Amino acid sequence: MKAMFAALAAALALLVSGCATEYYNAPHEMAEVYGAYPLSDGDTLRIEKKGNRPYARLDGTEPMRLTSIGPLEFVTQDQSLHLQFAPLAFTTEVTVQRLRY
């Protein structure tokens, strides 16, 4: 768990510093991500495509641009959410970490 947080902190530090390059997810990989995901807290996470960019939207919020930091792993532009997607048979599972409230 500590290693995961350390890796996330390092990735976020690179994004903030402007030194990181955005990870490329192929269109067929992104097709697994777009859609609606009911979350355990009652919210619904929606991943949408606007132009050629992915955006995340929680119930009652404005769309937040996603930056890819790894294979099917994203942070929102304001760095309030960390999203990791895992394609499974007939569905895709998402893990959401709220980094800031």
PDB file of N, CA and C in Angstrom:
ATOM      1  N   MET A   1       0.826  -1.185   0.000  1.00  0.00           N
ATOM      2  CA  MET A   1       0.000   0.000   0.000  1.00  0.00           C
ATOM      3  C   MET A   1       0.873   1.253   0.000  1.00  0.00           C
ATOM      4  N   LYS A   2       1.960   1.250   0.807  1.00  0.00           N
ATOM      5  CA  LYS A   2       2.855   2.397   0.837  1.00  0.00           C
ATOM      6  C   LYS A   2       3.492   2.633  -0.526  1.00  0.00           C
ATOM      7  N   ALA A   3       3.852   1.543  -1.201  1.00  0.00           N
ATOM      8  CA  ALA A   3       4.476   1.667  -2.517  1.00  0.00           C
ATOM      9  C   ALA A   3       3.519   2.302  -3.514  1.00  0.00           C
ATOM     10  N   MET A   4       2.228   1.953  -3.415  1.00  0.00           N
ATOM     11  CA  MET A   4       1.236   2.532  -4.322  1.00  0.00           C
ATOM     12  C   MET A   4       1.119   4.038  -4.091  1.00  0.00           C
ATOM     13  N   PHE A   5       1.070   4.451  -2.816  1.00  0.00           N
ATOM     14  CA  PHE A   5       0.974   5.875  -2.517  1.00  0.00           C
ATOM     15  C   PHE A   5       2.232   6.624  -2.943  1.00  0.00           C
ATOM     16  N   ALA A   6       3.387   5.990  -2.776  1.00  0.00           N
ATOM     17  CA  ALA A   6       4.639   6.616  -3.195  1.00  0.00           C
ATOM     18  C   ALA A   6       4.668   6.796  -4.709  1.00  0.00           C
ATOM     19  N   ALA A   7       4.219   5.786  -5.443  1.00  0.00           N
ATOM     20  CA  ALA A   7       4.182   5.886  -6.909  1.00  0.00           C
ATOM     21  C   ALA A   7       3.196   6.954  -7.354  1.00  0.00           C
ATOM     22  N   LEU A   8       2.047   7.004  -6.689  1.00  0.00           N
ATOM     23  CA  LEU A   8       1.055   8.018  -7.019  1.00  0.00           C
ATOM     24  C   LEU A   8       1.587   9.412  -6.721  1.00  0.00           C
ATOM     25  N   ALA A   9       2.233   9.587  -5.579  1.00  0.00           N
ATOM     26  CA  ALA A   9       2.803  10.885  -5.225  1.00  0.00           C
ATOM     27  C   ALA A   9       3.865  11.309  -6.231  1.00  0.00           C
ATOM     28  N   ALA A  10       4.681  10.370  -6.669  1.00  0.00           N
ATOM     29  CA  ALA A  10       5.711  10.688  -7.661  1.00  0.00           C
ATOM     30  C   ALA A  10       5.085  11.083  -8.992  1.00  0.00           C
ATOM     31  N   ALA A  11       4.056  10.355  -9.412  1.00  0.00           N
ATOM     32  CA  ALA A  11       3.385  10.687 -10.676  1.00  0.00           C
ATOM     33  C   ALA A  11       2.724  12.050 -10.593  1.00  0.00           C
ATOM     34  N   LEU A  12       2.080  12.343  -9.469  1.00  0.00           N
ATOM     35  CA  LEU A  12       1.444  13.651  -9.311  1.00  0.00           C
ATOM     36  C   LEU A  12       2.469  14.765  -9.267  1.00  0.00           C
ATOM     37  N   ALA A  13       3.605  14.531  -8.623  1.00  0.00           N
ATOM     38  CA  ALA A  13       4.657  15.547  -8.572  1.00  0.00           C
ATOM     39  C   ALA A  13       5.174  15.856  -9.973  1.00  0.00           C
ATOM     40  N   LEU A  14       5.338  14.814 -10.797  1.00  0.00           N
ATOM     41  CA  LEU A  14       5.778  15.039 -12.173  1.00  0.00           C
ATOM     42  C   LEU A  14       4.736  15.812 -12.973  1.00  0.00           C
ATOM     43  N   LEU A  15       3.465  15.499 -12.769  1.00  0.00           N
ATOM     44  CA  LEU A  15       2.409  16.213 -13.485  1.00  0.00           C
ATOM     45  C   LEU A  15       2.374  17.679 -13.091  1.00  0.00           C
ATOM     46  N   VAL A  16       2.503  17.948 -11.808  1.00  0.00           N
ATOM     47  CA  VAL A  16       2.474  19.324 -11.325  1.00  0.00           C
ATOM     48  C   VAL A  16       3.670  20.104 -11.848  1.00  0.00           C
ATOM     49  N   SER A  17       4.828  19.451 -11.898  1.00  0.00           N
ATOM     50  CA  SER A  17       6.038  20.139 -12.343  1.00  0.00           C
ATOM     51  C   SER A  17       6.046  20.373 -13.847  1.00  0.00           C
ATOM     52  N   GLY A  18       5.167  19.687 -14.570  1.00  0.00           N
ATOM     53  CA  GLY A  18       5.116  19.865 -16.023  1.00  0.00           C
ATOM     54  C   GLY A  18       6.116  19.005 -16.766  1.00  0.00           C
ATOM     55  N   CYS A  19       6.862  18.161 -16.053  1.00  0.00           N
ATOM     56  CA  CYS A  19       7.894  17.330 -16.674  1.00  0.00           C
ATOM     57  C   CYS A  19       7.348  16.019 -17.211  1.00  0.00           C
ATOM     58  N   ALA A  20       6.184  15.624 -16.743  1.00  0.00           N
ATOM     59  CA  ALA A  20       5.636  14.341 -17.162  1.00  0.00           C
ATOM     60  C   ALA A  20       4.958  14.464 -18.516  1.00  0.00           C
ATOM     61  N   THR A  21       5.050  13.407 -19.281  1.00  0.00           N
ATOM     62  CA  THR A  21       4.299  13.359 -20.519  1.00  0.00           C
ATOM     63  C   THR A  21       3.077  12.489 -20.276  1.00  0.00           C
ATOM     64  N   GLU A  22       2.004  12.802 -20.942  1.00  0.00           N
ATOM     65  CA  GLU A  22       0.772  12.047 -20.756  1.00  0.00           C
ATOM     66  C   GLU A  22       0.931  10.662 -21.362  1.00  0.00           C
ATOM     67  N   TYR A  23       0.498   9.644 -20.621  1.00  0.00           N
ATOM     68  CA  TYR A  23       0.538   8.269 -21.089  1.00  0.00           C
ATOM     69  C   TYR A  23      -0.506   8.101 -22.190  1.00  0.00           C
ATOM     70  N   TYR A  24      -0.196   7.326 -23.213  1.00  0.00           N
ATOM     71  CA  TYR A  24      -1.123   7.121 -24.317  1.00  0.00           C
ATOM     72  C   TYR A  24      -1.901   5.826 -24.117  1.00  0.00           C
ATOM     73  N   ASN A  25      -3.219   5.942 -24.090  1.00  0.00           N
ATOM     74  CA  ASN A  25      -4.109   4.788 -24.105  1.00  0.00           C
ATOM     75  C   ASN A  25      -4.729   4.714 -25.498  1.00  0.00           C
ATOM     76  N   ALA A  26      -4.624   3.574 -26.133  1.00  0.00           N
ATOM     77  CA  ALA A  26      -5.164   3.386 -27.479  1.00  0.00           C
ATOM     78  C   ALA A  26      -6.690   3.496 -27.460  1.00  0.00           C
ATOM     79  N   PRO A  27      -7.297   3.886 -28.591  1.00  0.00           N
ATOM     80  CA  PRO A  27      -8.750   4.014 -28.650  1.00  0.00           C
ATOM     81  C   PRO A  27      -9.506   2.761 -28.216  1.00  0.00           C
ATOM     82  N   HIS A  28      -9.002   1.575 -28.559  1.00  0.00           N
ATOM     83  CA  HIS A  28      -9.709   0.357 -28.142  1.00  0.00           C
ATOM     84  C   HIS A  28      -9.620   0.159 -26.625  1.00  0.00           C
ATOM     85  N   GLU A  29      -8.551   0.647 -25.990  1.00  0.00           N
ATOM     86  CA  GLU A  29      -8.459   0.591 -24.528  1.00  0.00           C
ATOM     87  C   GLU A  29      -9.444   1.574 -23.899  1.00  0.00           C
ATOM     88  N   MET A  30      -9.534   2.765 -24.483  1.00  0.00           N
ATOM     89  CA  MET A  30     -10.423   3.794 -23.944  1.00  0.00           C
ATOM     90  C   MET A  30     -11.887   3.388 -24.095  1.00  0.00           C
ATOM     91  N   ALA A  31     -12.209   2.590 -25.098  1.00  0.00           N
ATOM     92  CA  ALA A  31     -13.590   2.125 -25.271  1.00  0.00           C
ATOM     93  C   ALA A  31     -14.056   1.347 -24.041  1.00  0.00           C
ATOM     94  N   GLU A  32     -13.114   0.704 -23.333  1.00  0.00           N
ATOM     95  CA  GLU A  32     -13.439  -0.028 -22.112  1.00  0.00           C
ATOM     96  C   GLU A  32     -13.805   0.915 -20.964  1.00  0.00           C
ATOM     97  N   VAL A  33     -13.380   2.177 -21.043  1.00  0.00           N
ATOM     98  CA  VAL A  33     -13.491   3.129 -19.932  1.00  0.00           C
ATOM     99  C   VAL A  33     -14.767   3.962 -19.999  1.00  0.00           C
ATOM    100  N   TYR A  34     -15.188   4.379 -21.184  1.00  0.00           N
ATOM    101  CA  TYR A  34     -16.331   5.281 -21.315  1.00  0.00           C
ATOM    102  C   TYR A  34     -17.610   4.624 -20.817  1.00  0.00           C
ATOM    103  N   GLY A  35     -18.383   5.390 -20.054  1.00  0.00           N
ATOM    104  CA  GLY A  35     -19.645   4.881 -19.544  1.00  0.00           C
ATOM    105  C   GLY A  35     -19.920   5.391 -18.150  1.00  0.00           C
ATOM    106  N   ALA A  36     -20.900   4.791 -17.488  1.00  0.00           N
ATOM    107  CA  ALA A  36     -21.321   5.200 -16.148  1.00  0.00           C
ATOM    108  C   ALA A  36     -20.979   4.096 -15.154  1.00  0.00           C
ATOM    109  N   TYR A  37     -20.512   4.515 -13.982  1.00  0.00           N
ATOM    110  CA  TYR A  37     -20.114   3.591 -12.929  1.00  0.00           C
ATOM    111  C   TYR A  37     -20.786   4.002 -11.623  1.00  0.00           C
ATOM    112  N   PRO A  38     -21.665   3.159 -11.073  1.00  0.00           N
ATOM    113  CA  PRO A  38     -22.234   3.464  -9.762  1.00  0.00           C
ATOM    114  C   PRO A  38     -21.155   3.251  -8.695  1.00  0.00           C
ATOM    115  N   LEU A  39     -21.009   4.227  -7.795  1.00  0.00           N
ATOM    116  CA  LEU A  39     -19.996   4.146  -6.749  1.00  0.00           C
ATOM    117  C   LEU A  39     -20.622   3.747  -5.416  1.00  0.00           C
ATOM    118  N   SER A  40     -19.812   3.242  -4.527  1.00  0.00           N
ATOM    119  CA  SER A  40     -20.312   2.738  -3.243  1.00  0.00           C
ATOM    120  C   SER A  40     -20.907   3.838  -2.361  1.00  0.00           C
ATOM    121  N   ASP A  41     -20.536   5.109  -2.590  1.00  0.00           N
ATOM    122  CA  ASP A  41     -21.089   6.200  -1.779  1.00  0.00           C
ATOM    123  C   ASP A  41     -22.398   6.754  -2.345  1.00  0.00           C
ATOM    124  N   GLY A  42     -22.927   6.124  -3.379  1.00  0.00           N
ATOM    125  CA  GLY A  42     -24.188   6.548  -3.968  1.00  0.00           C
ATOM    126  C   GLY A  42     -24.042   7.441  -5.190  1.00  0.00           C
ATOM    127  N   ASP A  43     -22.858   8.020  -5.401  1.00  0.00           N
ATOM    128  CA  ASP A  43     -22.611   8.830  -6.591  1.00  0.00           C
ATOM    129  C   ASP A  43     -22.517   7.937  -7.823  1.00  0.00           C
ATOM    130  N   THR A  44     -22.644   8.569  -8.971  1.00  0.00           N
ATOM    131  CA  THR A  44     -22.399   7.882 -10.233  1.00  0.00           C
ATOM    132  C   THR A  44     -21.265   8.613 -10.940  1.00  0.00           C
ATOM    133  N   LEU A  45     -20.236   7.884 -11.310  1.00  0.00           N
ATOM    134  CA  LEU A  45     -19.111   8.422 -12.064  1.00  0.00           C
ATOM    135  C   LEU A  45     -19.392   8.186 -13.532  1.00  0.00           C
ATOM    136  N   ARG A  46     -19.322   9.253 -14.328  1.00  0.00           N
ATOM    137  CA  ARG A  46     -19.508   9.125 -15.772  1.00  0.00           C
ATOM    138  C   ARG A  46     -18.209   9.534 -16.461  1.00  0.00           C
ATOM    139  N   ILE A  47     -17.747   8.684 -17.362  1.00  0.00           N
ATOM    140  CA  ILE A  47     -16.564   8.982 -18.158  1.00  0.00           C
ATOM    141  C   ILE A  47     -17.056   9.225 -19.571  1.00  0.00           C
ATOM    142  N   GLU A  48     -16.770  10.434 -20.056  1.00  0.00           N
ATOM    143  CA  GLU A  48     -17.264  10.868 -21.364  1.00  0.00           C
ATOM    144  C   GLU A  48     -16.112  11.327 -22.237  1.00  0.00           C
ATOM    145  N   LYS A  49     -16.353  11.325 -23.524  1.00  0.00           N
ATOM    146  CA  LYS A  49     -15.374  11.817 -24.490  1.00  0.00           C
ATOM    147  C   LYS A  49     -15.872  13.145 -25.037  1.00  0.00           C
ATOM    148  N   LYS A  50     -15.041  14.164 -24.945  1.00  0.00           N
ATOM    149  CA  LYS A  50     -15.338  15.470 -25.548  1.00  0.00           C
ATOM    150  C   LYS A  50     -14.185  15.779 -26.485  1.00  0.00           C
ATOM    151  N   GLY A  51     -14.489  15.831 -27.778  1.00  0.00           N
ATOM    152  CA  GLY A  51     -13.412  15.948 -28.753  1.00  0.00           C
ATOM    153  C   GLY A  51     -12.613  14.661 -28.714  1.00  0.00           C
ATOM    154  N   ASN A  52     -11.319  14.775 -28.455  1.00  0.00           N
ATOM    155  CA  ASN A  52     -10.502  13.566 -28.338  1.00  0.00           C
ATOM    156  C   ASN A  52      -9.982  13.384 -26.908  1.00  0.00           C
ATOM    157  N   ARG A  53     -10.621  14.033 -25.937  1.00  0.00           N
ATOM    158  CA  ARG A  53     -10.190  13.998 -24.543  1.00  0.00           C
ATOM    159  C   ARG A  53     -11.234  13.327 -23.643  1.00  0.00           C
ATOM    160  N   PRO A  54     -10.769  12.541 -22.667  1.00  0.00           N
ATOM    161  CA  PRO A  54     -11.709  11.962 -21.698  1.00  0.00           C
ATOM    162  C   PRO A  54     -11.981  12.927 -20.544  1.00  0.00           C
ATOM    163  N   TYR A  55     -13.210  12.928 -20.077  1.00  0.00           N
ATOM    164  CA  TYR A  55     -13.643  13.753 -18.943  1.00  0.00           C
ATOM    165  C   TYR A  55     -14.399  12.871 -17.957  1.00  0.00           C
ATOM    166  N   ALA A  56     -14.255  13.195 -16.669  1.00  0.00           N
ATOM    167  CA  ALA A  56     -14.991  12.502 -15.610  1.00  0.00           C
ATOM    168  C   ALA A  56     -16.009  13.470 -15.036  1.00  0.00           C
ATOM    169  N   ARG A  57     -17.172  12.937 -14.673  1.00  0.00           N
ATOM    170  CA  ARG A  57     -18.202  13.771 -14.043  1.00  0.00           C
ATOM    171  C   ARG A  57     -18.886  12.956 -12.967  1.00  0.00           C
ATOM    172  N   LEU A  58     -18.914  13.511 -11.763  1.00  0.00           N
ATOM    173  CA  LEU A  58     -19.672  12.929 -10.666  1.00  0.00           C
ATOM    174  C   LEU A  58     -21.020  13.622 -10.613  1.00  0.00           C
ATOM    175  N   ASP A  59     -21.995  13.005  -9.947  1.00  0.00           N
ATOM    176  CA  ASP A  59     -23.318  13.617  -9.823  1.00  0.00           C
ATOM    177  C   ASP A  59     -23.187  15.041  -9.289  1.00  0.00           C
ATOM    178  N   GLY A  60     -23.799  15.991  -9.984  1.00  0.00           N
ATOM    179  CA  GLY A  60     -23.842  17.374  -9.536  1.00  0.00           C
ATOM    180  C   GLY A  60     -22.565  18.166  -9.717  1.00  0.00           C
ATOM    181  N   THR A  61     -21.598  17.653 -10.475  1.00  0.00           N
ATOM    182  CA  THR A  61     -20.353  18.396 -10.703  1.00  0.00           C
ATOM    183  C   THR A  61     -20.168  18.676 -12.186  1.00  0.00           C
ATOM    184  N   GLU A  62     -19.316  19.621 -12.464  1.00  0.00           N
ATOM    185  CA  GLU A  62     -18.929  19.917 -13.844  1.00  0.00           C
ATOM    186  C   GLU A  62     -17.953  18.839 -14.328  1.00  0.00           C
ATOM    187  N   PRO A  63     -17.884  18.584 -15.637  1.00  0.00           N
ATOM    188  CA  PRO A  63     -16.911  17.616 -16.157  1.00  0.00           C
ATOM    189  C   PRO A  63     -15.478  18.044 -15.822  1.00  0.00           C
ATOM    190  N   MET A  64     -14.650  17.066 -15.442  1.00  0.00           N
ATOM    191  CA  MET A  64     -13.249  17.305 -15.108  1.00  0.00           C
ATOM    192  C   MET A  64     -12.376  16.576 -16.119  1.00  0.00           C
ATOM    193  N   ARG A  65     -11.455  17.302 -16.748  1.00  0.00           N
ATOM    194  CA  ARG A  65     -10.576  16.692 -17.743  1.00  0.00           C
ATOM    195  C   ARG A  65      -9.660  15.678 -17.069  1.00  0.00           C
ATOM    196  N   LEU A  66      -9.501  14.533 -17.735  1.00  0.00           N
ATOM    197  CA  LEU A  66      -8.637  13.478 -17.223  1.00  0.00           C
ATOM    198  C   LEU A  66      -7.279  13.506 -17.909  1.00  0.00           C
ATOM    199  N   THR A  67      -6.242  13.265 -17.130  1.00  0.00           N
ATOM    200  CA  THR A  67      -4.894  13.101 -17.645  1.00  0.00           C
ATOM    201  C   THR A  67      -4.477  11.666 -17.362  1.00  0.00           C
ATOM    202  N   SER A  68      -4.026  10.977 -18.394  1.00  0.00           N
ATOM    203  CA  SER A  68      -3.617   9.584 -18.260  1.00  0.00           C
ATOM    204  C   SER A  68      -2.205   9.527 -17.694  1.00  0.00           C
ATOM    205  N   ILE A  69      -2.029   8.755 -16.610  1.00  0.00           N
ATOM    206  CA  ILE A  69      -0.706   8.622 -15.995  1.00  0.00           C
ATOM    207  C   ILE A  69      -0.172   7.191 -16.092  1.00  0.00           C
ATOM    208  N   GLY A  70      -0.956   6.305 -16.683  1.00  0.00           N
ATOM    209  CA  GLY A  70      -0.539   4.919 -16.857  1.00  0.00           C
ATOM    210  C   GLY A  70      -1.611   4.162 -17.612  1.00  0.00           C
ATOM    211  N   PRO A  71      -1.404   2.865 -17.816  1.00  0.00           N
ATOM    212  CA  PRO A  71      -2.407   2.079 -18.538  1.00  0.00           C
ATOM    213  C   PRO A  71      -3.753   2.107 -17.804  1.00  0.00           C
ATOM    214  N   LEU A  72      -4.730   2.768 -18.414  1.00  0.00           N
ATOM    215  CA  LEU A  72      -6.075   2.911 -17.869  1.00  0.00           C
ATOM    216  C   LEU A  72      -6.065   3.474 -16.447  1.00  0.00           C
ATOM    217  N   GLU A  73      -5.153   4.415 -16.197  1.00  0.00           N
ATOM    218  CA  GLU A  73      -5.020   5.090 -14.910  1.00  0.00           C
ATOM    219  C   GLU A  73      -4.990   6.597 -15.161  1.00  0.00           C
ATOM    220  N   PHE A  74      -5.823   7.331 -14.427  1.00  0.00           N
ATOM    221  CA  PHE A  74      -6.009   8.751 -14.695  1.00  0.00           C
ATOM    222  C   PHE A  74      -6.060   9.561 -13.413  1.00  0.00           C
ATOM    223  N   VAL A  75      -5.725  10.843 -13.519  1.00  0.00           N
ATOM    224  CA  VAL A  75      -6.008  11.825 -12.480  1.00  0.00           C
ATOM    225  C   VAL A  75      -6.790  12.944 -13.149  1.00  0.00           C
ATOM    226  N   THR A  76      -7.655  13.597 -12.373  1.00  0.00           N
ATOM    227  CA  THR A  76      -8.366  14.747 -12.905  1.00  0.00           C
ATOM    228  C   THR A  76      -7.404  15.922 -12.969  1.00  0.00           C
ATOM    229  N   GLN A  77      -7.704  16.873 -13.831  1.00  0.00           N
ATOM    230  CA  GLN A  77      -6.818  18.013 -14.024  1.00  0.00           C
ATOM    231  C   GLN A  77      -6.606  18.786 -12.725  1.00  0.00           C
ATOM    232  N   ASP A  78      -7.636  18.876 -11.886  1.00  0.00           N
ATOM    233  CA  ASP A  78      -7.486  19.563 -10.601  1.00  0.00           C
ATOM    234  C   ASP A  78      -6.895  18.649  -9.528  1.00  0.00           C
ATOM    235  N   GLN A  79      -6.576  17.431  -9.896  1.00  0.00           N
ATOM    236  CA  GLN A  79      -5.956  16.422  -9.043  1.00  0.00           C
ATOM    237  C   GLN A  79      -6.794  16.089  -7.811  1.00  0.00           C
ATOM    238  N   SER A  80      -8.108  16.114  -7.973  1.00  0.00           N
ATOM    239  CA  SER A  80      -8.986  15.752  -6.866  1.00  0.00           C
ATOM    240  C   SER A  80      -9.350  14.268  -6.886  1.00  0.00           C
ATOM    241  N   LEU A  81      -9.207  13.624  -8.046  1.00  0.00           N
ATOM    242  CA  LEU A  81      -9.551  12.202  -8.169  1.00  0.00           C
ATOM    243  C   LEU A  81      -8.436  11.434  -8.860  1.00  0.00           C
ATOM    244  N   HIS A  82      -8.238  10.199  -8.409  1.00  0.00           N
ATOM    245  CA  HIS A  82      -7.348   9.244  -9.064  1.00  0.00           C
ATOM    246  C   HIS A  82      -8.223   8.062  -9.453  1.00  0.00           C
ATOM    247  N   LEU A  83      -8.246   7.724 -10.739  1.00  0.00           N
ATOM    248  CA  LEU A  83      -9.109   6.654 -11.255  1.00  0.00           C
ATOM    249  C   LEU A  83      -8.248   5.569 -11.875  1.00  0.00           C
ATOM    250  N   GLN A  84      -8.567   4.326 -11.549  1.00  0.00           N
ATOM    251  CA  GLN A  84      -7.879   3.192 -12.150  1.00  0.00           C
ATOM    252  C   GLN A  84      -8.926   2.191 -12.618  1.00  0.00           C
ATOM    253  N   PHE A  85      -8.864   1.829 -13.883  1.00  0.00           N
ATOM    254  CA  PHE A  85      -9.848   0.947 -14.502  1.00  0.00           C
ATOM    255  C   PHE A  85      -9.247  -0.429 -14.741  1.00  0.00           C
ATOM    256  N   ALA A  86     -10.067  -1.463 -14.525  1.00  0.00           N
ATOM    257  CA  ALA A  86      -9.657  -2.850 -14.752  1.00  0.00           C
ATOM    258  C   ALA A  86     -10.726  -3.531 -15.593  1.00  0.00           C
ATOM    259  N   PRO A  87     -10.460  -3.746 -16.895  1.00  0.00           N
ATOM    260  CA  PRO A  87     -11.427  -4.462 -17.728  1.00  0.00           C
ATOM    261  C   PRO A  87     -11.564  -5.914 -17.267  1.00  0.00           C
ATOM    262  N   LEU A  88     -12.799  -6.336 -17.081  1.00  0.00           N
ATOM    263  CA  LEU A  88     -13.121  -7.706 -16.701  1.00  0.00           C
ATOM    264  C   LEU A  88     -14.064  -8.273 -17.756  1.00  0.00           C
ATOM    265  N   ALA A  89     -14.364  -9.536 -17.658  1.00  0.00           N
ATOM    266  CA  ALA A  89     -15.301 -10.140 -18.607  1.00  0.00           C
ATOM    267  C   ALA A  89     -16.661  -9.464 -18.485  1.00  0.00           C
ATOM    268  N   PHE A  90     -17.127  -8.879 -19.559  1.00  0.00           N
ATOM    269  CA  PHE A  90     -18.442  -8.253 -19.683  1.00  0.00           C
ATOM    270  C   PHE A  90     -18.627  -6.970 -18.880  1.00  0.00           C
ATOM    271  N   THR A  91     -17.587  -6.448 -18.252  1.00  0.00           N
ATOM    272  CA  THR A  91     -17.710  -5.211 -17.467  1.00  0.00           C
ATOM    273  C   THR A  91     -16.329  -4.590 -17.272  1.00  0.00           C
ATOM    274  N   THR A  92     -16.285  -3.413 -16.690  1.00  0.00           N
ATOM    275  CA  THR A  92     -15.041  -2.762 -16.306  1.00  0.00           C
ATOM    276  C   THR A  92     -15.206  -2.274 -14.882  1.00  0.00           C
ATOM    277  N   GLU A  93     -14.230  -2.567 -14.050  1.00  0.00           N
ATOM    278  CA  GLU A  93     -14.260  -2.148 -12.654  1.00  0.00           C
ATOM    279  C   GLU A  93     -13.415  -0.888 -12.503  1.00  0.00           C
ATOM    280  N   VAL A  94     -13.859   0.047 -11.670  1.00  0.00           N
ATOM    281  CA  VAL A  94     -13.108   1.276 -11.433  1.00  0.00           C
ATOM    282  C   VAL A  94     -12.817   1.417  -9.947  1.00  0.00           C
ATOM    283  N   THR A  95     -11.606   1.862  -9.650  1.00  0.00           N
ATOM    284  CA  THR A  95     -11.214   2.212  -8.284  1.00  0.00           C
ATOM    285  C   THR A  95     -11.035   3.719  -8.260  1.00  0.00           C
ATOM    286  N   VAL A  96     -11.722   4.380  -7.344  1.00  0.00           N
ATOM    287  CA  VAL A  96     -11.690   5.844  -7.249  1.00  0.00           C
ATOM    288  C   VAL A  96     -11.077   6.233  -5.921  1.00  0.00           C
ATOM    289  N   GLN A  97     -10.052   7.077  -5.978  1.00  0.00           N
ATOM    290  CA  GLN A  97      -9.486   7.659  -4.765  1.00  0.00           C
ATOM    291  C   GLN A  97      -9.719   9.160  -4.825  1.00  0.00           C
ATOM    292  N   ARG A  98     -10.326   9.694  -3.794  1.00  0.00           N
ATOM    293  CA  ARG A  98     -10.501  11.149  -3.696  1.00  0.00           C
ATOM    294  C   ARG A  98      -9.260  11.704  -3.036  1.00  0.00           C
ATOM    295  N   LEU A  99      -8.506  12.510  -3.797  1.00  0.00           N
ATOM    296  CA  LEU A  99      -7.243  13.050  -3.295  1.00  0.00           C
ATOM    297  C   LEU A  99      -7.450  14.350  -2.539  1.00  0.00           C
ATOM    298  N   ARG A 100      -8.479  15.103  -2.928  1.00  0.00           N
ATOM    299  CA  ARG A 100      -8.813  16.360  -2.257  1.00  0.00           C
ATOM    300  C   ARG A 100     -10.318  16.471  -2.215  1.00  0.00           C
ATOM    301  N   TYR A 101     -10.824  17.114  -1.202  1.00  0.00           N
ATOM    302  CA  TYR A 101     -12.274  17.319  -1.092  1.00  0.00           C
ATOM    303  C   TYR A 101     -12.593  18.774  -1.256  1.00  0.00           C
TER     304      TYR A 101
END
